Amino acid sequence: MFNIAPKAMSVVCSDDELRVSLADGRTLTVPLAWFPRLAHASSGERADYELMGDGEGIHWPLVDEDISVAGLLAGQPSVEAKSPIV
């Protein structure tokens, strides 16, 4: 059996959620609070994304955020979300 990496097809960010549609038909929805850069970005900045590679990751150039699909599937929030607020 071989393992095919999940690939993003499209991304939608609301004020509260990041929703990623995958090529295999699944949709991932995670709290936008997991990614502080996106949470603090404008709706226009969140809408301006690029799929990396064949969809293995997502890049938001205006807010310098990169998220891997594998990380989303593993339930990994941004390191910035895990940092204590000072």
C-alpha atoms as a PDB file:
ATOM      1  CA  MET A   1       0.000   0.000   0.000  1.00  0.00           C
ATOM      2  CA  PHE A   2       1.315   3.451  -0.843  1.00  0.00           C
ATOM      3  CA  ASN A   3       0.671   6.715   0.926  1.00  0.00           C
ATOM      4  CA  ILE A   4      -0.528   9.684  -1.126  1.00  0.00           C
ATOM      5  CA  ALA A   5      -0.112  13.078   0.526  1.00  0.00           C
ATOM      6  CA  PRO A   6      -3.394  14.953   0.971  1.00  0.00           C
ATOM      7  CA  LYS A   7      -3.702  17.982  -1.288  1.00  0.00           C
ATOM      8  CA  ALA A   8      -5.620  21.211  -0.855  1.00  0.00           C
ATOM      9  CA  MET A   9      -7.867  22.337  -3.686  1.00  0.00           C
ATOM     10  CA  SER A  10      -9.378  25.506  -2.206  1.00  0.00           C
ATOM     11  CA  VAL A  11      -9.295  27.597   0.956  1.00  0.00           C
ATOM     12  CA  VAL A  12     -11.883  29.826   2.632  1.00  0.00           C
ATOM     13  CA  CYS A  13     -11.245  31.948   5.709  1.00  0.00           C
ATOM     14  CA  SER A  14     -14.109  33.430   7.670  1.00  0.00           C
ATOM     15  CA  ASP A  15     -13.624  35.643  10.712  1.00  0.00           C
ATOM     16  CA  ASP A  16     -13.578  32.500  12.882  1.00  0.00           C
ATOM     17  CA  GLU A  17     -12.577  29.499  10.774  1.00  0.00           C
ATOM     18  CA  LEU A  18     -10.122  28.242   8.195  1.00  0.00           C
ATOM     19  CA  ARG A  19     -11.767  25.756   5.822  1.00  0.00           C
ATOM     20  CA  VAL A  20      -9.670  23.719   3.391  1.00  0.00           C
ATOM     21  CA  SER A  21     -11.210  21.487   0.721  1.00  0.00           C
ATOM     22  CA  LEU A  22      -9.019  18.496  -0.157  1.00  0.00           C
ATOM     23  CA  ALA A  23      -8.673  16.688  -3.474  1.00  0.00           C
ATOM     24  CA  ASP A  24      -9.988  13.456  -1.902  1.00  0.00           C
ATOM     25  CA  GLY A  25     -13.324  15.092  -1.041  1.00  0.00           C
ATOM     26  CA  ARG A  26     -12.696  15.857   2.628  1.00  0.00           C
ATOM     27  CA  THR A  27     -13.069  19.339   4.086  1.00  0.00           C
ATOM     28  CA  LEU A  28     -10.985  20.423   7.082  1.00  0.00           C
ATOM     29  CA  THR A  29     -12.271  23.176   9.340  1.00  0.00           C
ATOM     30  CA  VAL A  30     -10.102  24.558  12.136  1.00  0.00           C
ATOM     31  CA  PRO A  31     -10.355  27.641  14.363  1.00  0.00           C
ATOM     32  CA  LEU A  32      -8.731  30.696  12.821  1.00  0.00           C
ATOM     33  CA  ALA A  33      -7.329  31.399  16.305  1.00  0.00           C
ATOM     34  CA  TRP A  34      -4.844  28.575  15.629  1.00  0.00           C
ATOM     35  CA  PHE A  35      -3.108  30.938  13.189  1.00  0.00           C
ATOM     36  CA  PRO A  36      -2.721  34.407  14.750  1.00  0.00           C
ATOM     37  CA  ARG A  37      -1.335  36.007  11.586  1.00  0.00           C
ATOM     38  CA  LEU A  38      -4.466  35.025   9.692  1.00  0.00           C
ATOM     39  CA  ALA A  39      -6.746  35.869  12.610  1.00  0.00           C
ATOM     40  CA  HIS A  40      -5.380  39.432  12.667  1.00  0.00           C
ATOM     41  CA  ALA A  41      -5.348  39.826   8.868  1.00  0.00           C
ATOM     42  CA  SER A  42      -8.054  41.584   6.874  1.00  0.00           C
ATOM     43  CA  SER A  43     -10.526  39.508   4.874  1.00  0.00           C
ATOM     44  CA  GLY A  44      -8.736  40.632   1.703  1.00  0.00           C
ATOM     45  CA  GLU A  45      -5.370  39.468   3.028  1.00  0.00           C
ATOM     46  CA  ARG A  46      -6.868  36.108   4.041  1.00  0.00           C
ATOM     47  CA  ALA A  47      -8.444  35.691   0.593  1.00  0.00           C
ATOM     48  CA  ASP A  48      -5.065  36.161  -1.143  1.00  0.00           C
ATOM     49  CA  TYR A  49      -3.512  32.689  -0.844  1.00  0.00           C
ATOM     50  CA  GLU A  50      -1.430  30.408  -3.042  1.00  0.00           C
ATOM     51  CA  LEU A  51      -1.316  26.621  -3.021  1.00  0.00           C
ATOM     52  CA  MET A  52       2.235  25.373  -2.551  1.00  0.00           C
ATOM     53  CA  GLY A  53       3.547  22.456  -4.601  1.00  0.00           C
ATOM     54  CA  ASP A  54       0.649  20.330  -5.745  1.00  0.00           C
ATOM     55  CA  GLY A  55      -1.496  21.516  -2.846  1.00  0.00           C
ATOM     56  CA  GLU A  56       0.581  20.126   0.025  1.00  0.00           C
ATOM     57  CA  GLY A  57       0.596  23.543   1.635  1.00  0.00           C
ATOM     58  CA  ILE A  58      -0.982  26.981   1.606  1.00  0.00           C
ATOM     59  CA  HIS A  59       0.877  30.309   1.530  1.00  0.00           C
ATOM     60  CA  TRP A  60      -0.538  33.766   2.312  1.00  0.00           C
ATOM     61  CA  PRO A  61       2.032  36.207   0.863  1.00  0.00           C
ATOM     62  CA  LEU A  62       0.523  39.363   2.373  1.00  0.00           C
ATOM     63  CA  VAL A  63       0.762  38.019   5.943  1.00  0.00           C
ATOM     64  CA  ASP A  64       3.771  35.685   5.480  1.00  0.00           C
ATOM     65  CA  GLU A  65       1.900  32.579   6.677  1.00  0.00           C
ATOM     66  CA  ASP A  66       2.529  29.021   5.506  1.00  0.00           C
ATOM     67  CA  ILE A  67       0.413  26.058   6.577  1.00  0.00           C
ATOM     68  CA  SER A  68       0.876  22.427   5.560  1.00  0.00           C
ATOM     69  CA  VAL A  69      -2.105  20.203   4.884  1.00  0.00           C
ATOM     70  CA  ALA A  70      -0.381  17.426   6.844  1.00  0.00           C
ATOM     71  CA  GLY A  71      -0.127  19.762   9.843  1.00  0.00           C
ATOM     72  CA  LEU A  72      -3.821  20.592   9.608  1.00  0.00           C
ATOM     73  CA  LEU A  73      -4.703  16.895   9.475  1.00  0.00           C
ATOM     74  CA  ALA A  74      -2.511  16.306  12.536  1.00  0.00           C
ATOM     75  CA  GLY A  75      -4.344  19.067  14.408  1.00  0.00           C
ATOM     76  CA  GLN A  76      -1.253  21.241  14.781  1.00  0.00           C
ATOM     77  CA  PRO A  77      -1.887  24.939  15.406  1.00  0.00           C
ATOM     78  CA  SER A  78       0.776  27.526  14.648  1.00  0.00           C
ATOM     79  CA  VAL A  79       3.692  27.731  17.070  1.00  0.00           C
ATOM     80  CA  GLU A  80       2.637  31.370  17.527  1.00  0.00           C
ATOM     81  CA  ALA A  81      -0.754  30.210  18.833  1.00  0.00           C
ATOM     82  CA  LYS A  82       0.973  28.064  21.446  1.00  0.00           C
ATOM     83  CA  SER A  83       3.204  30.858  22.715  1.00  0.00           C
ATOM     84  CA  PRO A  84       2.132  32.553  25.934  1.00  0.00           C
ATOM     85  CA  ILE A  85       0.942  36.133  25.573  1.00  0.00           C
ATOM     86  CA  VAL A  86       3.390  38.521  27.214  1.00  0.00           C
END
